[in-house]
Amino acid sequence: MGAVLGLCSAAQLACCCGSAACSLCCSACPSCANSTSTRLMYTLMLLLVMVAACITLAPGLKTELQKVPFCANSTGVVPANLQVDCNNAVGYLAVYRICFALCMFFILMALIMIGVKSSKDPRTGIQNGFWGIKFLVVIGGVIGAFFIPEGSFASTWMVFGMIGGFCYIIIQLVLIIDFAHSWAEKWVSNYEESESRGWYAALLLAMLTCFTLALAGIVLLFLNFTQAQEASCGLSKFFISINLILVVIASAISILPAVQEHNPHSGLLQSSVVSLYVMYLTWSALSNSPAPCNSLIDPNNAASFDKQAIIGMVIWVCSVLYSCVRTASNSSKITMSEHILAKEGTGQGGLIANEEGAGADGGEAGQAKVFDNEGDGVAYNWTFFHVVFALATLYSMMTLTNWFNPSSQLMKVNVASMWIKISSSWLCVGIYIWTMVAPAMFPDRDFS
């Protein structure tokens, strides 16, 4: 499935060229829904820009980046609390500008697409086409963003980044919980249908692996964030302990008879995935905590692409791709996922109609590779899609820069971001517990 969807995206990208070779490439690709190929193209755009942002953090580019316009314009009079050392933070400041340009692009697209109900709307061409122009607009925006004088730009944009990052964390939580439920339901169904011990062993192994990693994470958290001799590190101990208690409570709730009665597929596999993600959020939050309790602070105080950013970006990429290819089926346990994911079955009807049309008309109709499946109604909310991608851009910006605080003397210390991520971990457990207890609390409502 992933290869087919990737070819759909490649087909649209190749068709931007207009040459005979590109047309041949398009004809070799399999048919797919317009809604799918469009989301994949925007995902490709997002990933390419993030790759460019990652490149700016390479140590070898530090000297060259110090010649960029915003560093040259940073000599103006700026309040002391907003001054940024461009020599050390130039990589982070470049990431800020690259993500600023892409975020503005998605916000513009969100505004343009307000009120679109079907592909019959004249704005459909803007949403589903003109890819060459869109990429040029983004590239031009990135180049233009490098001419924004520093001044208070970084400090102001950081506030927007933290707000947008927090909002995307919530969306990412919904996607991860939806993934955990879907994964568990699929494997449990396979086990019940085949009664194969292989599926049972796979379920058990996956659950034990996630719980083991979560437990190992707890041990490492205590070793890295609570061992300072100069301080008691009470806040760090509280964060780790309370999150440990919360995931134990959530795991216990998942196997309660009342929960199992109304949600038979609920179990420890979902709890293990959520527990592992909560431990990641706890680690990410404490990595932004101040010294002396934070033993992971870089003594060189340099902008870099470290392991926290790598793990965060891997999770981010997976969540973006999941939201792109996953459909909101009836098995989704979270109402919000219906707005994030495309509607299930919309594309299938379009495919049947297209194939029938191709067989009847022949010729050009038989060559259509990206077909319109939104004639009667859009498969997803176009405006909300662009808003989510704007938030995803802000979250990736904050992740790549380790939630950098321009007014802090230490690159990776940001108390506000620490509280944001800790709060999101509590919200994650709360959302997960709600998906389990809601059917039991409101038996008259349909949560299927």
Protein backbone atom coordinates (compact mmCIF):
# COMPACT_ATOMS: atom_id res chain seq x y z
CA MET A 1 0.00 0.00 0.00
CA GLY A 2 2.77 2.44 0.93
CA ALA A 3 4.54 1.82 -2.40
CA VAL A 4 1.35 2.43 -4.37
CA LEU A 5 0.64 5.65 -2.51
CA GLY A 6 4.22 6.76 -3.05
CA LEU A 7 3.82 6.17 -6.78
CA CYS A 8 0.64 8.25 -6.75
CA SER A 9 2.61 11.14 -5.33
CA ALA A 10 5.40 10.55 -7.84
CA ALA A 11 2.85 10.63 -10.64
CA GLN A 12 1.60 14.08 -9.71
CA LEU A 13 5.14 15.38 -9.25
CA ALA A 14 6.25 13.95 -12.58
CA CYS A 15 3.23 15.36 -14.39
CA CYS A 16 4.34 18.85 -13.34
CA CYS A 17 7.20 18.54 -15.85
CA GLY A 18 5.03 18.28 -18.93
CA SER A 19 7.66 16.46 -21.01
CA ALA A 20 7.21 13.19 -22.88
CA ALA A 21 9.42 11.38 -20.40
CA CYS A 22 7.31 12.66 -17.51
CA SER A 23 4.11 11.66 -19.27
CA LEU A 24 5.53 8.17 -19.72
CA CYS A 25 6.31 8.08 -16.01
CA CYS A 26 2.75 9.11 -15.20
CA SER A 27 1.29 6.40 -17.41
CA ALA A 28 3.34 3.75 -15.62
CA CYS A 29 1.94 4.67 -12.20
CA PRO A 30 -1.13 2.96 -10.71
CA SER A 31 -4.48 4.70 -10.40
CA CYS A 32 -5.26 6.40 -7.11
CA ALA A 33 -7.73 8.88 -5.66
CA ASN A 34 -7.13 12.58 -6.10
CA SER A 35 -7.65 13.16 -2.39
CA THR A 36 -4.87 10.67 -1.56
CA SER A 37 -2.35 11.92 -4.12
CA THR A 38 -2.94 15.54 -3.09
CA ARG A 39 -2.32 14.82 0.59
CA LEU A 40 0.81 12.89 -0.34
CA MET A 41 2.10 15.80 -2.41
CA TYR A 42 1.66 18.23 0.48
CA THR A 43 3.34 15.68 2.74
CA LEU A 44 6.24 15.44 0.29
CA MET A 45 6.51 19.23 0.30
CA LEU A 46 6.53 19.29 4.10
CA LEU A 47 9.18 16.57 4.34
CA LEU A 48 11.45 18.19 1.74
CA VAL A 49 11.36 21.51 3.54
CA MET A 50 12.13 19.78 6.84
CA VAL A 51 15.11 18.05 5.22
CA ALA A 52 16.36 21.47 4.15
CA ALA A 53 15.85 22.72 7.71
CA CYS A 54 17.84 19.76 9.08
CA ILE A 55 20.70 20.52 6.69
CA THR A 56 21.05 24.03 8.16
CA LEU A 57 21.88 22.42 11.51
CA ALA A 58 24.93 20.63 10.09
CA PRO A 59 28.07 21.77 11.97
CA GLY A 60 29.96 22.30 8.72
CA LEU A 61 27.49 24.99 7.56
CA LYS A 62 27.79 27.17 10.67
CA THR A 63 30.48 29.45 9.22
CA GLU A 64 28.67 29.86 5.91
CA LEU A 65 25.29 30.55 7.55
CA GLN A 66 26.81 33.37 9.58
CA LYS A 67 27.02 35.28 6.28
CA VAL A 68 23.26 35.17 5.69
CA PRO A 69 21.32 38.45 5.64
CA PHE A 70 19.55 38.06 8.99
CA CYS A 71 22.87 37.71 10.80
CA ALA A 72 24.18 40.78 9.01
CA ASN A 73 21.02 42.66 10.02
CA SER A 74 21.32 41.66 13.67
CA THR A 75 23.48 44.60 14.61
CA GLY A 76 20.57 46.93 15.39
CA VAL A 77 19.54 48.10 18.83
CA VAL A 78 17.62 45.26 20.51
CA PRO A 79 16.49 44.95 24.14
CA ALA A 80 18.96 42.93 26.20
CA ASN A 81 16.44 40.17 26.93
CA LEU A 82 15.82 39.66 23.18
CA GLN A 83 19.42 39.62 21.98
CA VAL A 84 20.43 36.44 20.19
CA ASP A 85 23.99 35.22 19.66
CA CYS A 86 23.95 34.64 15.92
CA ASN A 87 27.34 32.94 16.07
CA ASN A 88 26.01 30.03 18.13
CA ALA A 89 22.32 30.03 17.24
CA VAL A 90 22.53 30.68 13.50
CA GLY A 91 21.33 27.13 12.68
CA TYR A 92 18.27 27.47 14.89
CA LEU A 93 17.51 30.92 13.47
CA ALA A 94 17.71 29.52 9.94
CA VAL A 95 15.24 26.77 10.87
CA TYR A 96 12.90 29.44 12.26
CA ARG A 97 12.87 31.26 8.93
CA ILE A 98 12.47 28.18 6.77
CA CYS A 99 9.52 26.99 8.84
CA PHE A 100 8.06 30.50 8.93
CA ALA A 101 7.82 30.53 5.13
CA LEU A 102 6.21 27.08 4.93
CA CYS A 103 3.80 27.83 7.77
CA MET A 104 2.65 31.02 6.02
CA PHE A 105 2.08 28.99 2.84
CA PHE A 106 -0.19 26.50 4.61
CA ILE A 107 -2.06 29.28 6.41
CA LEU A 108 -2.65 31.00 3.05
CA MET A 109 -3.92 27.74 1.56
CA ALA A 110 -6.20 27.23 4.57
CA LEU A 111 -7.74 30.66 4.05
CA ILE A 112 -8.20 30.08 0.32
CA MET A 113 -9.94 26.73 0.87
CA ILE A 114 -12.51 27.91 3.42
CA GLY A 115 -15.96 26.63 2.51
CA VAL A 116 -14.99 24.15 -0.24
CA LYS A 117 -17.57 21.33 -0.29
CA SER A 118 -16.66 19.33 -3.39
CA SER A 119 -14.23 19.20 -6.29
CA LYS A 120 -16.75 21.14 -8.37
CA ASP A 121 -15.60 24.29 -6.56
CA PRO A 122 -13.42 26.54 -8.80
CA ARG A 123 -10.70 26.48 -6.11
CA THR A 124 -10.15 22.75 -6.64
CA GLY A 125 -7.40 23.43 -9.15
CA ILE A 126 -5.47 25.42 -6.58
CA GLN A 127 -5.76 22.58 -4.04
CA ASN A 128 -5.00 19.68 -6.35
CA GLY A 129 -2.76 21.22 -9.00
CA PHE A 130 -0.17 23.87 -9.86
CA TRP A 131 2.48 21.91 -7.97
CA GLY A 132 5.39 23.48 -9.78
CA ILE A 133 4.14 26.95 -8.88
CA LYS A 134 3.49 25.93 -5.27
CA PHE A 135 7.02 24.62 -4.82
CA LEU A 136 8.42 27.80 -6.38
CA VAL A 137 6.29 29.91 -4.02
CA VAL A 138 7.61 28.01 -1.00
CA ILE A 139 11.22 28.29 -2.21
CA GLY A 140 10.74 32.01 -2.82
CA GLY A 141 9.21 32.40 0.62
CA VAL A 142 12.18 30.65 2.25
CA ILE A 143 14.64 32.88 0.42
CA GLY A 144 12.66 35.96 1.39
CA ALA A 145 12.46 34.85 5.03
CA PHE A 146 16.26 34.92 5.25
CA PHE A 147 16.11 38.69 4.74
CA ILE A 148 13.91 39.25 7.81
CA PRO A 149 16.05 41.23 10.30
CA GLU A 150 16.59 39.40 13.57
CA GLY A 151 15.51 42.02 16.09
CA SER A 152 12.72 40.40 18.10
CA PHE A 153 11.71 37.97 15.32
CA ALA A 154 13.05 34.83 17.02
CA SER A 155 11.50 35.61 20.41
CA THR A 156 8.13 36.47 18.85
CA TRP A 157 8.09 33.50 16.49
CA MET A 158 9.06 31.18 19.35
CA VAL A 159 5.79 32.06 21.10
CA PHE A 160 3.80 31.12 18.00
CA GLY A 161 5.92 27.99 17.68
CA MET A 162 5.20 26.90 21.25
CA ILE A 163 1.46 27.46 20.85
CA GLY A 164 1.35 25.67 17.50
CA GLY A 165 3.63 22.92 18.78
CA PHE A 166 1.34 22.26 21.72
CA CYS A 167 -1.70 22.11 19.43
CA TYR A 168 0.05 19.62 17.16
CA ILE A 169 1.10 17.50 20.13
CA ILE A 170 -2.61 17.11 20.90
CA ILE A 171 -3.28 16.08 17.29
CA GLN A 172 -0.32 13.71 17.41
CA LEU A 173 -1.70 12.21 20.60
CA VAL A 174 -5.01 11.53 18.87
CA LEU A 175 -3.22 9.87 15.95
CA ILE A 176 -1.05 7.70 18.21
CA ILE A 177 -4.01 6.55 20.30
CA ASP A 178 -5.99 5.86 17.11
CA PHE A 179 -3.01 3.86 15.80
CA ALA A 180 -2.76 1.89 19.05
CA HIS A 181 -6.46 0.98 18.95
CA SER A 182 -6.31 0.06 15.24
CA TRP A 183 -3.18 -2.04 15.72
CA ALA A 184 -4.63 -3.94 18.65
CA GLU A 185 -8.01 -4.50 16.99
CA LYS A 186 -6.39 -5.80 13.81
CA TRP A 187 -4.15 -8.30 15.58
CA VAL A 188 -6.86 -9.41 18.01
CA SER A 189 -9.24 -9.97 15.09
CA ASN A 190 -6.58 -11.97 13.24
CA TYR A 191 -6.04 -14.09 16.35
CA GLU A 192 -9.77 -14.67 16.88
CA GLU A 193 -10.34 -15.60 13.24
CA SER A 194 -7.34 -17.87 12.76
CA GLU A 195 -6.82 -19.00 16.38
CA SER A 196 -3.14 -19.03 15.49
CA ARG A 197 -0.67 -18.96 18.32
CA GLY A 198 1.55 -16.83 16.12
CA TRP A 199 -0.75 -13.82 16.41
CA TYR A 200 -1.06 -14.36 20.16
CA ALA A 201 2.72 -14.52 20.49
CA ALA A 202 3.09 -11.38 18.36
CA LEU A 203 0.59 -9.51 20.55
CA LEU A 204 2.37 -10.61 23.69
CA LEU A 205 5.82 -9.77 22.32
CA ALA A 206 4.75 -6.31 21.12
CA MET A 207 3.14 -5.51 24.46
CA LEU A 208 6.13 -6.71 26.50
CA THR A 209 8.55 -4.84 24.24
CA CYS A 210 6.73 -1.53 24.67
CA PHE A 211 6.37 -1.97 28.42
CA THR A 212 10.04 -2.95 28.73
CA LEU A 213 11.15 0.13 26.79
CA ALA A 214 8.88 2.32 28.92
CA LEU A 215 10.32 0.82 32.10
CA ALA A 216 13.86 1.30 30.84
CA GLY A 217 12.95 4.90 30.04
CA ILE A 218 11.78 5.46 33.61
CA VAL A 219 15.07 4.16 34.97
CA LEU A 220 17.07 6.38 32.62
CA LEU A 221 14.94 9.38 33.56
CA PHE A 222 15.73 8.89 37.24
CA LEU A 223 19.43 8.47 36.45
CA ASN A 224 19.72 11.54 34.21
CA PHE A 225 17.40 14.04 35.87
CA THR A 226 17.34 13.32 39.62
CA GLN A 227 20.96 12.66 40.60
CA ALA A 228 22.30 16.22 41.03
CA GLN A 229 24.22 16.70 44.27
CA GLU A 230 23.58 20.44 44.38
CA ALA A 231 19.75 20.15 44.37
CA SER A 232 17.01 17.76 45.42
CA CYS A 233 15.44 17.77 41.93
CA GLY A 234 11.99 17.42 43.50
CA LEU A 235 10.15 18.69 40.42
CA SER A 236 11.86 16.16 38.13
CA LYS A 237 11.10 13.34 40.58
CA PHE A 238 7.47 14.48 40.73
CA PHE A 239 7.09 14.51 36.93
CA ILE A 240 8.57 11.04 36.52
CA SER A 241 6.67 9.54 39.45
CA ILE A 242 3.28 11.01 38.56
CA ASN A 243 3.57 9.86 34.94
CA LEU A 244 4.57 6.39 36.12
CA ILE A 245 1.48 6.29 38.35
CA LEU A 246 -0.75 7.55 35.53
CA VAL A 247 0.35 4.90 33.02
CA VAL A 248 -0.09 2.16 35.65
CA ILE A 249 -3.63 3.43 36.34
CA ALA A 250 -4.40 3.56 32.60
CA SER A 251 -3.08 0.03 32.12
CA ALA A 252 -5.21 -1.25 35.01
CA ILE A 253 -8.33 0.45 33.63
CA SER A 254 -7.79 -1.15 30.21
CA ILE A 255 -8.37 -4.65 31.63
CA LEU A 256 -11.28 -3.87 33.95
CA PRO A 257 -14.32 -6.14 33.30
CA ALA A 258 -16.63 -3.15 32.76
CA VAL A 259 -14.27 -1.70 30.15
CA GLN A 260 -13.79 -5.08 28.46
CA GLU A 261 -17.56 -5.59 28.30
CA HIS A 262 -18.17 -2.42 26.29
CA ASN A 263 -14.84 -2.46 24.44
CA PRO A 264 -13.66 -6.08 24.01
CA HIS A 265 -10.58 -5.09 22.00
CA SER A 266 -9.29 -2.80 24.72
CA GLY A 267 -6.18 -4.21 26.34
CA LEU A 268 -2.60 -3.90 27.42
CA LEU A 269 -1.15 -3.48 23.91
CA GLN A 270 -2.71 -0.03 23.58
CA SER A 271 -1.63 0.79 27.13
CA SER A 272 1.95 -0.20 26.37
CA VAL A 273 2.09 2.08 23.30
CA VAL A 274 0.61 5.02 25.23
CA SER A 275 2.98 4.35 28.16
CA LEU A 276 5.99 4.40 25.87
CA TYR A 277 4.87 7.69 24.29
CA VAL A 278 4.21 9.26 27.69
CA MET A 279 7.74 8.35 28.78
CA TYR A 280 9.09 9.95 25.60
CA LEU A 281 7.18 13.16 26.36
CA THR A 282 8.50 13.11 29.92
CA TRP A 283 12.08 12.74 28.67
CA SER A 284 11.57 15.47 26.08
CA ALA A 285 10.15 17.80 28.73
CA LEU A 286 12.92 17.20 31.25
CA SER A 287 15.51 17.72 28.51
CA ASN A 288 14.39 21.36 28.52
CA SER A 289 14.65 21.65 32.31
CA PRO A 290 17.40 23.86 33.80
CA ALA A 291 20.58 22.76 35.51
CA PRO A 292 21.75 21.23 37.79
CA CYS A 293 19.13 18.48 37.55
CA ASN A 294 19.44 18.22 33.77
CA SER A 295 22.60 16.22 33.11
CA LEU A 296 22.00 16.27 29.34
CA ILE A 297 22.68 19.99 28.85
CA ASP A 298 25.33 20.47 26.17
CA PRO A 299 28.40 22.08 27.78
CA ASN A 300 29.34 23.59 24.41
CA ASN A 301 25.95 25.36 24.25
CA ALA A 302 25.76 24.91 20.48
CA ALA A 303 22.82 24.59 18.10
CA SER A 304 22.79 20.97 17.00
CA PHE A 305 20.59 18.16 15.73
CA ASP A 306 20.78 15.84 18.73
CA LYS A 307 19.09 12.56 19.69
CA GLN A 308 16.05 14.31 21.18
CA ALA A 309 15.42 16.06 17.87
CA ILE A 310 16.02 12.85 15.91
CA ILE A 311 13.54 10.78 17.95
CA GLY A 312 11.02 13.62 17.92
CA MET A 313 11.27 13.98 14.14
CA VAL A 314 10.91 10.22 13.58
CA ILE A 315 7.67 10.24 15.60
CA TRP A 316 6.57 13.39 13.76
CA VAL A 317 7.21 11.87 10.33
CA CYS A 318 5.31 8.71 11.27
CA SER A 319 2.32 10.71 12.55
CA VAL A 320 2.23 12.88 9.41
CA LEU A 321 2.40 9.86 7.11
CA TYR A 322 -0.19 8.02 9.19
CA SER A 323 -2.60 10.95 8.99
CA CYS A 324 -2.01 11.04 5.24
CA VAL A 325 -2.65 7.40 4.34
CA ARG A 326 -4.99 6.34 7.15
CA THR A 327 -8.75 6.65 6.67
CA ALA A 328 -11.23 7.48 9.42
CA SER A 329 -13.08 4.18 9.69
CA ASN A 330 -15.92 3.20 11.92
CA SER A 331 -13.41 1.59 14.28
CA SER A 332 -11.90 4.94 15.23
CA LYS A 333 -12.38 5.49 18.95
CA ILE A 334 -11.76 9.23 18.91
CA THR A 335 -14.22 11.63 17.32
CA MET A 336 -11.48 14.16 16.53
CA SER A 337 -9.75 11.61 14.27
CA GLU A 338 -12.66 11.90 11.84
CA HIS A 339 -11.63 15.51 11.16
CA ILE A 340 -7.91 14.69 10.81
CA LEU A 341 -8.22 11.58 8.62
CA ALA A 342 -9.92 11.19 5.25
CA LYS A 343 -13.30 9.50 5.08
CA GLU A 344 -13.20 5.78 4.43
CA GLY A 345 -14.66 4.49 1.20
CA THR A 346 -14.83 7.81 -0.62
CA GLY A 347 -12.02 6.89 -2.94
CA GLN A 348 -13.26 3.39 -3.66
CA GLY A 349 -16.45 4.54 -5.30
CA GLY A 350 -14.51 7.01 -7.41
CA LEU A 351 -12.14 4.25 -8.53
CA ILE A 352 -15.00 2.03 -9.67
CA ALA A 353 -16.61 4.87 -11.57
CA ASN A 354 -13.31 5.79 -13.19
CA GLU A 355 -12.53 2.26 -14.24
CA GLU A 356 -16.00 1.82 -15.73
CA GLY A 357 -15.65 5.10 -17.58
CA ALA A 358 -12.25 4.07 -18.87
CA GLY A 359 -13.59 0.81 -20.15
CA ALA A 360 -16.53 2.42 -21.92
CA ASP A 361 -14.82 5.40 -23.46
CA GLY A 362 -11.31 4.05 -24.00
CA GLY A 363 -8.66 6.39 -25.29
CA GLU A 364 -7.85 9.24 -22.94
CA ALA A 365 -10.27 8.05 -20.28
CA GLY A 366 -8.30 4.83 -19.95
CA GLN A 367 -5.10 6.80 -19.27
CA ALA A 368 -6.39 8.65 -16.19
CA LYS A 369 -4.14 7.75 -13.29
CA VAL A 370 -5.20 10.29 -10.65
CA PHE A 371 -9.00 10.33 -10.64
CA ASP A 372 -11.46 12.67 -8.97
CA ASN A 373 -13.21 11.05 -6.01
CA GLU A 374 -14.60 14.22 -4.46
CA GLY A 375 -17.27 15.22 -6.95
CA ASP A 376 -20.08 14.65 -4.45
CA GLY A 377 -18.17 15.87 -1.42
CA VAL A 378 -14.65 16.33 -0.17
CA ALA A 379 -12.99 13.32 1.47
CA TYR A 380 -11.45 15.56 4.14
CA ASN A 381 -11.76 19.16 5.29
CA TRP A 382 -9.29 21.02 3.09
CA THR A 383 -8.99 24.03 5.37
CA PHE A 384 -8.46 21.91 8.47
CA PHE A 385 -5.88 19.84 6.60
CA HIS A 386 -3.77 22.92 5.90
CA VAL A 387 -4.20 24.15 9.46
CA VAL A 388 -2.90 20.78 10.72
CA PHE A 389 0.08 21.00 8.38
CA ALA A 390 0.80 24.55 9.55
CA LEU A 391 0.78 23.26 13.14
CA ALA A 392 2.94 20.31 12.08
CA THR A 393 5.44 22.79 10.64
CA LEU A 394 5.55 24.72 13.91
CA TYR A 395 5.97 21.52 15.92
CA SER A 396 8.81 20.31 13.70
CA MET A 397 10.44 23.73 14.01
CA MET A 398 10.36 23.53 17.80
CA THR A 399 11.55 19.91 17.74
CA LEU A 400 14.49 20.63 15.44
CA THR A 401 15.54 23.56 17.61
CA ASN A 402 15.01 21.64 20.89
CA TRP A 403 12.31 24.19 21.81
CA PHE A 404 14.99 26.88 21.70
CA ASN A 405 14.42 29.99 23.83
CA PRO A 406 16.20 32.99 22.24
CA SER A 407 16.22 34.90 25.53
CA SER A 408 17.96 32.06 27.41
CA GLN A 409 21.72 31.87 27.74
CA LEU A 410 21.51 28.09 27.35
CA MET A 411 20.35 26.77 23.96
CA LYS A 412 18.26 23.85 25.19
CA VAL A 413 16.77 25.23 28.42
CA ASN A 414 13.17 26.38 28.14
CA VAL A 415 10.99 26.05 31.24
CA ALA A 416 7.82 27.00 29.35
CA SER A 417 8.29 24.22 26.82
CA MET A 418 8.99 21.80 29.68
CA TRP A 419 5.57 22.53 31.17
CA ILE A 420 3.90 22.34 27.75
CA LYS A 421 5.23 18.84 27.10
CA ILE A 422 4.54 17.60 30.62
CA SER A 423 0.97 18.92 30.37
CA SER A 424 0.57 17.19 27.02
CA SER A 425 1.70 13.89 28.56
CA TRP A 426 -1.04 14.19 31.18
CA LEU A 427 -3.52 15.06 28.45
CA CYS A 428 -2.39 11.98 26.51
CA VAL A 429 -3.24 9.67 29.42
CA GLY A 430 -6.53 11.51 29.93
CA ILE A 431 -7.59 11.09 26.30
CA TYR A 432 -6.63 7.42 26.35
CA ILE A 433 -8.56 6.73 29.55
CA TRP A 434 -11.57 8.56 28.10
CA THR A 435 -11.58 6.33 25.00
CA MET A 436 -11.84 3.32 27.34
CA VAL A 437 -14.36 4.50 29.94
CA ALA A 438 -16.68 6.58 27.71
CA PRO A 439 -18.55 3.55 26.25
CA ALA A 440 -19.10 2.18 29.75
CA MET A 441 -20.20 5.55 31.18
CA PHE A 442 -22.58 6.29 28.31
CA PRO A 443 -23.90 2.92 27.12
CA ASP A 444 -26.74 4.56 25.17
CA ARG A 445 -24.33 6.44 22.89
CA ASP A 446 -22.74 4.82 19.86
CA PHE A 447 -18.92 4.92 20.11
CA SER A 448 -18.31 2.34 17.40
